[in-house]
Amino acid sequence: MSSQNGKVIITCAVTGSIHTPSMSEALPVTPEQIAASAIDAAEAGAAILHLHARDPENGRPASDPDLFMQFLPRIKAGCDAVVNITTGGSMVMTLEQRLAAAMRAEPEMASLNMGTLNFALHPMAARERVWKHDWEKPFLLTSDDGIFRNTFRDIAHVLESLGDKGTRFEHECYDVGHLYNLAYFVDKGIVKPPFFIQMVFGVLGGIGSDPENLTFMKATADRLFGEDYRWSVLAAGRQQIPFATQAALLGGNVRVGLEDSLFISRGKLAASNAEQVAKIRRIVEELGLSVATPVEARAILGLKGGDRVAF
């Protein structure tokens, strides 16, 4: 399914749970930093803000709903962007921990990983650097033995728990099999159109960031879902902007942000999330396309509206 009327939805993933504070000074950690970075990204053109929380003392990925509630109201007051709360959290969290913030906030959108996978971050620990916190390097190194659990029962639990609150989902598909997992829930009538697929490339353990894989994932989704879905692309690391550009050319939507890549160009760290959003917005517009506003994104994705959240 192509984006509606040439409108491209930009999602910004503001902080995530992959990169650690020692990797970039720009990575938002405190609630104040997350809120400010998210609002700046919205002003730069992001219609959707994909949000995680971190421990403000050491930057470790955190699931405490109280932390989310320190920045969610600020973001809502500061911009009109759609708030999308993670239910992925981190692979070291339990499902209930991952779900807790979204259950409390009842957002318009939440992310939902569509399958179990190896989720390996350990190569990032090989680079020589001064580590700010003692948790960072072990967190990365032990991921070589980690499994990011997202069973059919887990997925069904998230769909039921948040679906009852009117939340719709960013269905994150890290491999072709995850599209078939989503098709199972669509065929059961549990996931209803228009649903939003985020195709994820370049995570070690998932499908690689090769251009042929993008076209294959898109063709598979077309075959499975026809006209019932909208789609977006993110690529981890250096393929972030090239893959987003390719997705826009193919009629898709795009995701950028410091969760997915810390860089703005080869070897140059991004100064902010907003810098990445501004770059992909410029590319999208130079391709002759238009960037969707939050109001347009809500209409395209069938969202409940920012006035029906619990923050």
Protein backbone atom coordinates (compact mmCIF):
# COMPACT_ATOMS: atom_id res chain seq x y z
CA MET A 1 0.00 0.00 0.00
CA SER A 2 1.42 3.37 -0.99
CA SER A 3 1.29 6.37 1.30
CA GLN A 4 -1.92 8.36 0.97
CA ASN A 5 -1.94 11.23 -1.55
CA GLY A 6 1.84 11.42 -1.66
CA LYS A 7 2.03 12.16 2.06
CA VAL A 8 5.03 10.69 3.88
CA ILE A 9 4.76 10.15 7.63
CA ILE A 10 8.04 10.75 9.46
CA THR A 11 8.48 8.89 12.74
CA CYS A 12 11.29 9.89 15.09
CA ALA A 13 12.57 7.27 17.55
CA VAL A 14 13.98 9.57 20.18
CA THR A 15 16.21 7.47 22.47
CA GLY A 16 15.47 3.71 22.39
CA SER A 17 17.27 1.06 24.42
CA ILE A 18 20.13 0.08 22.11
CA HIS A 19 22.68 2.86 22.24
CA THR A 20 24.33 3.77 25.52
CA PRO A 21 25.18 7.24 26.86
CA SER A 22 28.91 6.86 26.19
CA MET A 23 28.27 6.58 22.46
CA SER A 24 26.88 10.09 21.93
CA GLU A 25 26.40 13.23 24.00
CA ALA A 26 23.26 13.91 21.96
CA LEU A 27 21.41 10.81 23.20
CA PRO A 28 18.55 12.00 25.45
CA VAL A 29 18.57 10.42 28.90
CA THR A 30 16.66 12.50 31.45
CA PRO A 31 12.92 13.19 31.16
CA GLU A 32 13.74 16.83 30.44
CA GLN A 33 16.11 15.87 27.63
CA ILE A 34 13.69 13.34 26.14
CA ALA A 35 10.83 15.87 26.16
CA ALA A 36 12.92 18.66 24.64
CA SER A 37 14.41 16.39 21.97
CA ALA A 38 10.99 15.01 21.05
CA ILE A 39 9.41 18.46 20.73
CA ASP A 40 12.32 19.67 18.59
CA ALA A 41 11.91 16.61 16.34
CA ALA A 42 8.21 17.37 15.95
CA GLU A 43 8.97 20.96 15.03
CA ALA A 44 11.41 19.65 12.40
CA GLY A 45 8.68 17.55 10.78
CA ALA A 46 8.13 14.32 12.72
CA ALA A 47 4.43 13.45 12.91
CA ILE A 48 4.99 10.46 15.22
CA LEU A 49 7.31 10.25 18.24
CA HIS A 50 8.41 6.74 19.23
CA LEU A 51 9.36 6.88 22.90
CA HIS A 52 11.34 4.89 25.46
CA ALA A 53 12.44 5.92 28.96
CA ARG A 54 15.82 5.80 30.65
CA ASP A 55 17.05 5.95 34.21
CA PRO A 56 18.00 9.63 34.54
CA GLU A 57 20.93 8.77 36.81
CA ASN A 58 22.81 6.43 34.49
CA GLY A 59 20.95 6.27 31.17
CA ARG A 60 20.01 2.62 31.48
CA PRO A 61 16.81 1.55 29.66
CA ALA A 62 13.89 1.82 32.07
CA SER A 63 10.25 0.73 32.12
CA ASP A 64 8.86 2.61 35.15
CA PRO A 65 5.61 4.35 34.09
CA ASP A 66 6.42 7.18 36.51
CA LEU A 67 9.44 8.04 34.37
CA PHE A 68 7.30 8.15 31.24
CA MET A 69 4.83 10.40 32.99
CA GLN A 70 7.62 12.89 33.66
CA PHE A 71 7.97 13.59 29.93
CA LEU A 72 4.71 12.56 28.24
CA PRO A 73 2.64 15.55 29.47
CA ARG A 74 5.47 17.93 28.50
CA ILE A 75 5.54 16.52 24.99
CA LYS A 76 1.77 16.74 24.66
CA ALA A 77 1.85 20.35 25.85
CA GLY A 78 4.73 21.25 23.54
CA CYS A 79 3.58 19.79 20.21
CA ASP A 80 0.75 18.01 18.41
CA ALA A 81 2.75 14.95 17.32
CA VAL A 82 1.34 11.45 17.80
CA VAL A 83 2.89 9.79 20.85
CA ASN A 84 3.91 6.18 20.24
CA ILE A 85 5.06 4.34 23.37
CA THR A 86 7.26 1.28 23.14
CA THR A 87 6.10 -2.13 24.28
CA GLY A 88 9.46 -3.52 23.17
CA GLY A 89 11.34 -1.71 25.91
CA SER A 90 14.45 -3.84 26.17
CA MET A 91 14.98 -7.57 25.72
CA VAL A 92 16.10 -7.81 29.37
CA MET A 93 12.66 -6.65 30.59
CA THR A 94 9.65 -8.88 31.25
CA LEU A 95 6.59 -8.47 29.07
CA GLU A 96 4.64 -6.84 31.88
CA GLN A 97 7.46 -4.34 32.45
CA ARG A 98 7.50 -3.56 28.74
CA LEU A 99 3.74 -3.05 28.71
CA ALA A 100 3.35 -1.05 31.93
CA ALA A 101 3.92 2.49 30.60
CA ALA A 102 1.57 2.09 27.64
CA MET A 103 -1.12 0.60 29.87
CA ARG A 104 -0.96 3.63 32.12
CA ALA A 105 -0.69 6.27 29.38
CA GLU A 106 -3.20 4.74 26.90
CA PRO A 107 -1.44 6.36 23.93
CA GLU A 108 -2.71 6.73 20.38
CA MET A 109 0.00 4.31 19.24
CA ALA A 110 2.33 1.72 20.72
CA SER A 111 5.06 -0.32 19.08
CA LEU A 112 4.64 -4.09 18.93
CA ASN A 113 7.38 -6.51 17.94
CA MET A 114 5.90 -9.21 15.73
CA GLY A 115 8.22 -12.10 16.53
CA THR A 116 10.98 -13.53 18.66
CA LEU A 117 14.53 -13.01 17.44
CA ASN A 118 18.16 -12.87 18.39
CA PHE A 119 18.89 -9.21 19.07
CA ALA A 120 22.65 -8.87 19.21
CA LEU A 121 24.39 -5.64 20.20
CA HIS A 122 27.75 -7.07 21.27
CA PRO A 123 29.78 -5.85 18.25
CA MET A 124 29.22 -2.28 19.51
CA ALA A 125 31.24 -3.10 22.64
CA ALA A 126 34.39 -3.73 20.59
CA ARG A 127 35.05 -0.07 19.87
CA GLU A 128 37.53 1.59 22.20
CA ARG A 129 35.87 4.31 24.28
CA VAL A 130 35.66 5.64 27.79
CA TRP A 131 32.53 4.17 29.36
CA LYS A 132 30.57 6.57 31.55
CA HIS A 133 28.68 3.87 33.43
CA ASP A 134 29.62 0.38 34.53
CA TRP A 135 26.45 -1.21 33.11
CA GLU A 136 27.04 -0.22 29.48
CA LYS A 137 29.71 -2.61 28.22
CA PRO A 138 28.33 -5.72 29.97
CA PHE A 139 24.84 -4.88 28.67
CA LEU A 140 26.17 -4.92 25.12
CA LEU A 141 28.47 -7.93 25.51
CA THR A 142 25.88 -10.25 27.05
CA SER A 143 23.47 -9.66 24.17
CA ASP A 144 25.30 -12.38 22.21
CA ASP A 145 23.35 -14.84 24.38
CA GLY A 146 20.10 -12.91 24.40
CA ILE A 147 16.76 -13.76 22.86
CA PHE A 148 14.16 -11.03 22.38
CA ARG A 149 11.02 -12.95 23.27
CA ASN A 150 7.82 -12.07 21.43
CA THR A 151 5.75 -15.24 21.25
CA PHE A 152 2.27 -15.50 19.75
CA ARG A 153 0.89 -15.47 23.29
CA ASP A 154 2.91 -12.34 24.11
CA ILE A 155 1.71 -10.56 20.98
CA ALA A 156 -1.91 -11.52 21.63
CA HIS A 157 -1.64 -10.23 25.20
CA VAL A 158 -0.39 -6.82 24.04
CA LEU A 159 -3.01 -6.58 21.30
CA GLU A 160 -5.80 -7.38 23.73
CA SER A 161 -4.52 -5.24 26.60
CA LEU A 162 -3.95 -2.05 24.62
CA GLY A 163 -6.52 -2.61 21.91
CA ASP A 164 -9.21 -2.32 24.56
CA LYS A 165 -7.93 1.22 25.20
CA GLY A 166 -8.18 2.26 21.55
CA THR A 167 -4.42 2.17 21.01
CA ARG A 168 -3.24 1.22 17.51
CA PHE A 169 0.14 -0.27 16.72
CA GLU A 170 3.43 0.21 14.96
CA HIS A 171 3.89 -3.46 14.01
CA GLU A 172 7.66 -3.90 13.99
CA CYS A 173 8.73 -6.64 11.59
CA TYR A 174 12.41 -7.54 11.77
CA ASP A 175 12.20 -10.34 9.20
CA VAL A 176 9.92 -11.83 6.59
CA GLY A 177 8.50 -14.37 9.03
CA HIS A 178 7.21 -11.52 11.18
CA LEU A 179 4.97 -10.43 8.31
CA TYR A 180 3.43 -13.90 8.33
CA ASN A 181 3.00 -13.66 12.11
CA LEU A 182 1.08 -10.43 11.57
CA ALA A 183 -0.97 -12.10 8.82
CA TYR A 184 -2.04 -14.74 11.35
CA PHE A 185 -3.54 -12.05 13.61
CA VAL A 186 -5.11 -10.27 10.64
CA ASP A 187 -6.71 -13.50 9.44
CA LYS A 188 -8.08 -14.08 12.95
CA GLY A 189 -9.68 -10.63 12.84
CA ILE A 190 -7.64 -9.43 15.83
CA VAL A 191 -5.67 -6.82 13.85
CA LYS A 192 -7.89 -4.66 11.68
CA PRO A 193 -7.00 -2.25 8.86
CA PRO A 194 -5.58 0.22 8.31
CA PHE A 195 -2.62 -1.24 10.22
CA PHE A 196 0.89 0.21 10.21
CA ILE A 197 3.92 -1.98 9.50
CA GLN A 198 7.39 -0.80 10.46
CA MET A 199 9.89 -2.87 8.45
CA VAL A 200 13.15 -3.06 10.41
CA PHE A 201 16.48 -3.71 8.69
CA GLY A 202 20.05 -4.07 9.87
CA VAL A 203 19.63 -5.37 13.43
CA LEU A 204 22.00 -8.29 13.98
CA GLY A 205 19.59 -11.21 14.26
CA GLY A 206 17.04 -9.78 11.82
CA ILE A 207 16.93 -9.21 8.08
CA GLY A 208 19.93 -7.35 6.66
CA SER A 209 19.92 -3.85 5.24
CA ASP A 210 20.30 -4.85 1.60
CA PRO A 211 18.13 -2.96 -0.93
CA GLU A 212 16.83 -6.23 -2.36
CA ASN A 213 15.48 -7.15 1.08
CA LEU A 214 13.42 -3.98 1.23
CA THR A 215 11.71 -4.68 -2.08
CA PHE A 216 11.18 -8.33 -1.04
CA MET A 217 9.60 -7.34 2.29
CA LYS A 218 7.34 -4.85 0.50
CA ALA A 219 6.30 -7.40 -2.13
CA THR A 220 5.55 -9.95 0.60
CA ALA A 221 3.43 -7.44 2.53
CA ASP A 222 1.55 -6.53 -0.66
CA ARG A 223 0.79 -10.19 -1.29
CA LEU A 224 -0.35 -10.82 2.28
CA PHE A 225 -2.27 -7.61 2.97
CA GLY A 226 -3.24 -5.98 -0.31
CA GLU A 227 -4.69 -2.52 0.31
CA ASP A 228 -5.20 -2.95 4.04
CA TYR A 229 -1.92 -1.60 5.38
CA ARG A 230 0.41 1.38 5.54
CA TRP A 231 4.15 0.81 5.81
CA SER A 232 7.32 2.47 6.96
CA VAL A 233 11.01 1.62 7.01
CA LEU A 234 13.82 1.99 9.49
CA ALA A 235 17.39 0.85 9.04
CA ALA A 236 19.86 0.57 11.89
CA GLY A 237 23.14 2.42 11.64
CA ARG A 238 24.67 3.80 8.46
CA GLN A 239 21.83 2.67 6.19
CA GLN A 240 19.28 4.83 8.01
CA ILE A 241 18.96 7.64 5.46
CA PRO A 242 19.56 5.54 2.29
CA PHE A 243 16.83 3.07 3.27
CA ALA A 244 14.43 5.83 4.29
CA THR A 245 15.00 7.45 0.90
CA GLN A 246 14.35 4.18 -0.92
CA ALA A 247 11.16 3.66 1.10
CA ALA A 248 9.88 7.13 0.20
CA LEU A 249 10.59 6.45 -3.48
CA LEU A 250 8.55 3.24 -3.23
CA GLY A 251 5.58 5.01 -1.66
CA GLY A 252 6.32 4.26 1.97
CA ASN A 253 6.81 6.20 5.17
CA VAL A 254 10.06 6.66 7.09
CA ARG A 255 11.57 6.46 10.55
CA VAL A 256 14.73 8.15 11.78
CA GLY A 257 16.05 9.04 15.23
CA LEU A 258 18.89 8.37 17.64
CA GLU A 259 17.39 5.04 18.66
CA ASP A 260 18.22 3.71 15.20
CA SER A 261 21.40 5.60 14.30
CA LEU A 262 23.63 8.07 16.11
CA PHE A 263 25.00 9.57 12.89
CA ILE A 264 23.97 12.27 10.44
CA SER A 265 26.53 11.33 7.79
CA ARG A 266 29.51 9.01 7.42
CA GLY A 267 31.62 9.30 10.57
CA LYS A 268 29.76 12.36 11.89
CA LEU A 269 27.55 12.08 14.95
CA ALA A 270 24.14 13.73 14.73
CA ALA A 271 23.73 16.77 16.94
CA SER A 272 20.10 15.90 17.68
CA ASN A 273 17.06 13.94 16.64
CA ALA A 274 15.77 17.08 14.95
CA GLU A 275 18.83 17.16 12.68
CA GLN A 276 18.01 13.69 11.36
CA VAL A 277 14.33 14.59 10.89
CA ALA A 278 15.24 17.77 9.03
CA LYS A 279 17.56 15.81 6.73
CA ILE A 280 15.01 13.19 5.73
CA ARG A 281 12.33 15.85 5.39
CA ARG A 282 14.52 17.76 2.96
CA ILE A 283 15.12 14.60 0.94
CA VAL A 284 11.43 13.69 0.88
CA GLU A 285 10.44 17.15 -0.29
CA GLU A 286 13.16 17.23 -2.94
CA LEU A 287 11.66 14.00 -4.28
CA GLY A 288 8.46 15.94 -4.90
CA LEU A 289 6.59 14.41 -1.96
CA SER A 290 4.93 16.07 1.02
CA VAL A 291 5.52 15.42 4.70
CA ALA A 292 2.38 14.49 6.62
CA THR A 293 1.29 16.66 9.51
CA PRO A 294 0.20 14.99 12.76
CA VAL A 295 -3.43 15.63 11.78
CA GLU A 296 -2.87 13.93 8.43
CA ALA A 297 -1.02 11.03 10.05
CA ARG A 298 -3.92 10.46 12.42
CA ALA A 299 -6.33 10.32 9.49
CA ILE A 300 -4.12 7.99 7.44
CA LEU A 301 -3.63 5.55 10.35
CA GLY A 302 -7.10 5.78 11.87
CA LEU A 303 -5.91 6.96 15.28
CA LYS A 304 -8.18 7.90 18.16
CA GLY A 305 -6.78 11.41 18.71
CA GLY A 306 -4.56 13.08 21.25
CA ASP A 307 -7.53 14.07 23.40
CA ARG A 308 -8.24 10.42 24.28
CA VAL A 309 -4.96 9.53 25.98
CA ALA A 310 -4.35 9.28 29.74
CA PHE A 311 -1.60 11.87 30.15
